Amino acid sequence: NNEYNYWVSKIRIRSEHGVGFLKGRFCSLRGLRLRINNQLSIQFASLWVITAIVLHNF
């Protein structure tokens, strides 16, 4: 159980750092307030984040 928790926390920390980096780089992600309650809002949020990543790599 301790080993499982260790690996899950390690992955979560990396994920949080990635989100923090993107929010620091793109202010529009910081202000992105969406209620994710249907497929359309999931697609919109996903495309917004993907667009930020593409712009970062450009």
Protein backbone atom coordinates (compact mmCIF):
# COMPACT_ATOMS: atom_id res chain seq x y z
CA ASN A 1 0.00 0.00 0.00
CA ASN A 2 2.82 2.44 0.80
CA GLU A 3 4.53 1.70 -2.50
CA TYR A 4 1.27 2.24 -4.40
CA ASN A 5 0.71 5.58 -2.63
CA TYR A 6 4.29 6.59 -3.40
CA TRP A 7 3.89 6.02 -7.14
CA VAL A 8 0.45 7.63 -7.31
CA SER A 9 1.72 10.73 -5.50
CA LYS A 10 4.75 10.90 -7.79
CA ILE A 11 2.51 10.92 -10.87
CA ARG A 12 0.14 13.45 -9.31
CA ILE A 13 2.99 15.82 -8.48
CA ARG A 14 4.22 15.72 -12.09
CA SER A 15 0.71 16.36 -13.33
CA GLU A 16 0.25 19.31 -10.97
CA HIS A 17 3.60 20.78 -12.04
CA GLY A 18 2.57 20.49 -15.70
CA VAL A 19 -0.73 22.23 -15.09
CA GLY A 20 1.02 24.92 -13.05
CA PHE A 21 3.54 25.50 -15.83
CA LEU A 22 0.81 25.90 -18.43
CA LYS A 23 -1.19 28.24 -16.20
CA GLY A 24 1.91 30.32 -15.57
CA ARG A 25 2.73 30.51 -19.27
CA PHE A 26 -0.80 31.18 -20.53
CA CYS A 27 -2.96 33.54 -18.50
CA SER A 28 -6.04 32.45 -20.43
CA LEU A 29 -5.81 29.03 -18.78
CA ARG A 30 -5.72 30.63 -15.35
CA GLY A 31 -8.99 32.36 -16.06
CA LEU A 32 -10.62 29.36 -17.75
CA ARG A 33 -13.70 28.78 -15.63
CA LEU A 34 -15.91 26.07 -17.04
CA ARG A 35 -18.53 23.83 -15.62
CA ILE A 36 -17.69 20.44 -17.07
CA ASN A 37 -21.13 18.89 -17.27
CA ASN A 38 -21.47 17.66 -20.84
CA GLN A 39 -19.43 16.40 -23.77
CA LEU A 40 -19.24 19.81 -25.44
CA SER A 41 -17.68 21.50 -22.41
CA ILE A 42 -15.15 18.65 -22.11
CA GLN A 43 -14.19 19.08 -25.76
CA PHE A 44 -13.92 22.86 -25.38
CA ALA A 45 -11.63 22.64 -22.34
CA SER A 46 -9.51 19.95 -24.00
CA LEU A 47 -9.08 21.98 -27.18
CA TRP A 48 -8.20 25.08 -25.16
CA VAL A 49 -5.40 23.23 -23.34
CA ILE A 50 -4.17 21.54 -26.53
CA THR A 51 -4.05 24.92 -28.25
CA ALA A 52 -1.93 26.33 -25.43
CA ILE A 53 0.47 23.38 -25.69
CA VAL A 54 0.75 23.75 -29.47
CA LEU A 55 1.42 27.47 -29.14
CA HIS A 56 4.09 26.78 -26.55
CA ASN A 57 5.84 24.32 -28.88
CA PHE A 58 5.59 26.70 -31.84
